[in-house]
Amino acid sequence: MAERARKKVPEPFPGAYYLAGAITIALMLLFLALGAGLPPGVAGFLVAFVLGLTVSPRYVPFFLLAGVFSAVMGFLGREPQVAWGGVALVLSQLVVRRFVKD
């Protein structure tokens, strides 16, 4: 078995990963607050689209499938947040597939 040698990547500056985590949590809370104040369809679209842009290109096919499933089930069940969130997830995955190199 060939093992890959992984290089330990040093932090750009002390505490960089903690700062990145704090920024991520702050953005999640911001989108949660925005989503709570918007109509369900708009909130579902906004949150799913932005979070969908953070997906690794390796997992795009799976999230694309999840978006299609979510959109179909949301429209069939008359749940606008789920339906438009699924549409947004599909669109965000198409953006990731087109513009992000793996």
C-alpha atoms as a PDB file:
ATOM      1  CA  MET A   1       0.000   0.000   0.000  1.00  0.00           C
ATOM      2  CA  ALA A   2       1.339   3.316  -1.003  1.00  0.00           C
ATOM      3  CA  GLU A   3       0.761   6.000   1.547  1.00  0.00           C
ATOM      4  CA  ARG A   4       0.544   9.592   0.601  1.00  0.00           C
ATOM      5  CA  ALA A   5       2.848  11.904   2.448  1.00  0.00           C
ATOM      6  CA  ARG A   6       0.838  14.897   3.580  1.00  0.00           C
ATOM      7  CA  LYS A   7       2.561  18.137   4.233  1.00  0.00           C
ATOM      8  CA  LYS A   8       1.440  20.002   7.262  1.00  0.00           C
ATOM      9  CA  VAL A   9       0.374  23.410   6.034  1.00  0.00           C
ATOM     10  CA  PRO A  10       1.248  26.124   8.516  1.00  0.00           C
ATOM     11  CA  GLU A  11      -1.311  28.740   9.460  1.00  0.00           C
ATOM     12  CA  PRO A  12      -0.939  32.000   7.507  1.00  0.00           C
ATOM     13  CA  PHE A  13      -0.785  33.779  10.879  1.00  0.00           C
ATOM     14  CA  PRO A  14      -1.404  32.645  14.455  1.00  0.00           C
ATOM     15  CA  GLY A  15      -5.089  32.046  15.021  1.00  0.00           C
ATOM     16  CA  ALA A  16      -6.031  32.175  11.315  1.00  0.00           C
ATOM     17  CA  TYR A  17      -8.170  29.050  11.478  1.00  0.00           C
ATOM     18  CA  TYR A  18     -10.008  30.307  14.564  1.00  0.00           C
ATOM     19  CA  LEU A  19     -10.694  33.596  12.782  1.00  0.00           C
ATOM     20  CA  ALA A  20     -11.956  31.725   9.710  1.00  0.00           C
ATOM     21  CA  GLY A  21     -14.266  29.669  11.935  1.00  0.00           C
ATOM     22  CA  ALA A  22     -15.605  32.790  13.628  1.00  0.00           C
ATOM     23  CA  ILE A  23     -16.253  34.447  10.259  1.00  0.00           C
ATOM     24  CA  THR A  24     -18.048  31.327   9.036  1.00  0.00           C
ATOM     25  CA  ILE A  25     -20.291  31.190  12.101  1.00  0.00           C
ATOM     26  CA  ALA A  26     -21.025  34.929  11.816  1.00  0.00           C
ATOM     27  CA  LEU A  27     -22.036  34.522   8.167  1.00  0.00           C
ATOM     28  CA  MET A  28     -24.247  31.557   9.018  1.00  0.00           C
ATOM     29  CA  LEU A  29     -25.987  33.611  11.705  1.00  0.00           C
ATOM     30  CA  LEU A  30     -26.392  36.513   9.276  1.00  0.00           C
ATOM     31  CA  PHE A  31     -28.073  34.294   6.701  1.00  0.00           C
ATOM     32  CA  LEU A  32     -30.214  32.743   9.405  1.00  0.00           C
ATOM     33  CA  ALA A  33     -31.400  36.203  10.457  1.00  0.00           C
ATOM     34  CA  LEU A  34     -31.976  37.261   6.854  1.00  0.00           C
ATOM     35  CA  GLY A  35     -33.851  34.065   6.121  1.00  0.00           C
ATOM     36  CA  ALA A  36     -36.101  34.510   9.146  1.00  0.00           C
ATOM     37  CA  GLY A  37     -37.186  37.958   8.007  1.00  0.00           C
ATOM     38  CA  LEU A  38     -37.950  37.129   4.379  1.00  0.00           C
ATOM     39  CA  PRO A  39     -40.884  35.311   2.766  1.00  0.00           C
ATOM     40  CA  PRO A  40     -40.385  31.525   2.766  1.00  0.00           C
ATOM     41  CA  GLY A  41     -39.600  31.126  -0.946  1.00  0.00           C
ATOM     42  CA  VAL A  42     -37.073  33.957  -1.002  1.00  0.00           C
ATOM     43  CA  ALA A  43     -35.444  32.794   2.234  1.00  0.00           C
ATOM     44  CA  GLY A  44     -35.115  29.219   0.988  1.00  0.00           C
ATOM     45  CA  PHE A  45     -33.622  30.404  -2.279  1.00  0.00           C
ATOM     46  CA  LEU A  46     -31.133  32.792  -0.661  1.00  0.00           C
ATOM     47  CA  VAL A  47     -29.856  30.413   1.986  1.00  0.00           C
ATOM     48  CA  ALA A  48     -29.618  27.370  -0.308  1.00  0.00           C
ATOM     49  CA  PHE A  49     -27.904  29.316  -3.078  1.00  0.00           C
ATOM     50  CA  VAL A  50     -25.235  30.851  -0.852  1.00  0.00           C
ATOM     51  CA  LEU A  51     -24.550  27.619   1.016  1.00  0.00           C
ATOM     52  CA  GLY A  52     -24.543  25.682  -2.260  1.00  0.00           C
ATOM     53  CA  LEU A  53     -21.685  27.847  -3.505  1.00  0.00           C
ATOM     54  CA  THR A  54     -19.496  26.476  -0.722  1.00  0.00           C
ATOM     55  CA  VAL A  55     -19.706  22.857  -1.936  1.00  0.00           C
ATOM     56  CA  SER A  56     -16.553  21.143  -3.127  1.00  0.00           C
ATOM     57  CA  PRO A  57     -16.649  20.424  -6.884  1.00  0.00           C
ATOM     58  CA  ARG A  58     -16.123  16.756  -6.056  1.00  0.00           C
ATOM     59  CA  TYR A  59     -19.620  16.583  -4.529  1.00  0.00           C
ATOM     60  CA  VAL A  60     -21.513  18.641  -7.133  1.00  0.00           C
ATOM     61  CA  PRO A  61     -23.364  15.662  -8.694  1.00  0.00           C
ATOM     62  CA  PHE A  62     -24.744  14.601  -5.321  1.00  0.00           C
ATOM     63  CA  PHE A  63     -25.879  18.094  -4.357  1.00  0.00           C
ATOM     64  CA  LEU A  64     -27.350  18.566  -7.840  1.00  0.00           C
ATOM     65  CA  LEU A  65     -29.409  15.433  -7.338  1.00  0.00           C
ATOM     66  CA  ALA A  66     -30.439  16.594  -3.852  1.00  0.00           C
ATOM     67  CA  GLY A  67     -31.500  19.955  -5.287  1.00  0.00           C
ATOM     68  CA  VAL A  68     -33.655  18.352  -7.965  1.00  0.00           C
ATOM     69  CA  PHE A  69     -35.243  16.029  -5.404  1.00  0.00           C
ATOM     70  CA  SER A  70     -35.863  18.931  -3.029  1.00  0.00           C
ATOM     71  CA  ALA A  71     -37.401  21.097  -5.745  1.00  0.00           C
ATOM     72  CA  VAL A  72     -39.726  18.349  -6.960  1.00  0.00           C
ATOM     73  CA  MET A  73     -40.846  17.362  -3.468  1.00  0.00           C
ATOM     74  CA  GLY A  74     -41.223  20.997  -2.404  1.00  0.00           C
ATOM     75  CA  PHE A  75     -43.416  21.931  -5.348  1.00  0.00           C
ATOM     76  CA  LEU A  76     -45.473  18.741  -5.027  1.00  0.00           C
ATOM     77  CA  GLY A  77     -45.937  19.316  -1.304  1.00  0.00           C
ATOM     78  CA  ARG A  78     -46.595  23.053  -1.730  1.00  0.00           C
ATOM     79  CA  GLU A  79     -43.662  24.003   0.489  1.00  0.00           C
ATOM     80  CA  PRO A  80     -42.162  27.147  -1.087  1.00  0.00           C
ATOM     81  CA  GLN A  81     -39.070  27.273   1.112  1.00  0.00           C
ATOM     82  CA  VAL A  82     -38.075  23.715   0.216  1.00  0.00           C
ATOM     83  CA  ALA A  83     -39.066  24.090  -3.438  1.00  0.00           C
ATOM     84  CA  TRP A  84     -37.193  27.313  -4.131  1.00  0.00           C
ATOM     85  CA  GLY A  85     -34.295  26.140  -1.991  1.00  0.00           C
ATOM     86  CA  GLY A  86     -34.001  23.110  -4.267  1.00  0.00           C
ATOM     87  CA  VAL A  87     -34.044  25.322  -7.357  1.00  0.00           C
ATOM     88  CA  ALA A  88     -31.340  27.514  -5.817  1.00  0.00           C
ATOM     89  CA  LEU A  89     -29.248  24.476  -4.917  1.00  0.00           C
ATOM     90  CA  VAL A  90     -29.385  23.258  -8.519  1.00  0.00           C
ATOM     91  CA  LEU A  91     -28.382  26.698  -9.815  1.00  0.00           C
ATOM     92  CA  SER A  92     -25.534  27.045  -7.320  1.00  0.00           C
ATOM     93  CA  GLN A  93     -24.194  23.620  -8.270  1.00  0.00           C
ATOM     94  CA  LEU A  94     -24.225  24.598 -11.935  1.00  0.00           C
ATOM     95  CA  VAL A  95     -22.231  27.707 -11.018  1.00  0.00           C
ATOM     96  CA  VAL A  96     -19.747  25.639  -8.989  1.00  0.00           C
ATOM     97  CA  ARG A  97     -19.395  23.089 -11.793  1.00  0.00           C
ATOM     98  CA  ARG A  98     -18.809  25.814 -14.373  1.00  0.00           C
ATOM     99  CA  PHE A  99     -16.453  28.157 -12.537  1.00  0.00           C
ATOM    100  CA  VAL A 100     -14.611  26.163  -9.846  1.00  0.00           C
ATOM    101  CA  LYS A 101     -11.772  23.895 -10.869  1.00  0.00           C
ATOM    102  CA  ASP A 102     -11.181  20.754  -8.814  1.00  0.00           C
END
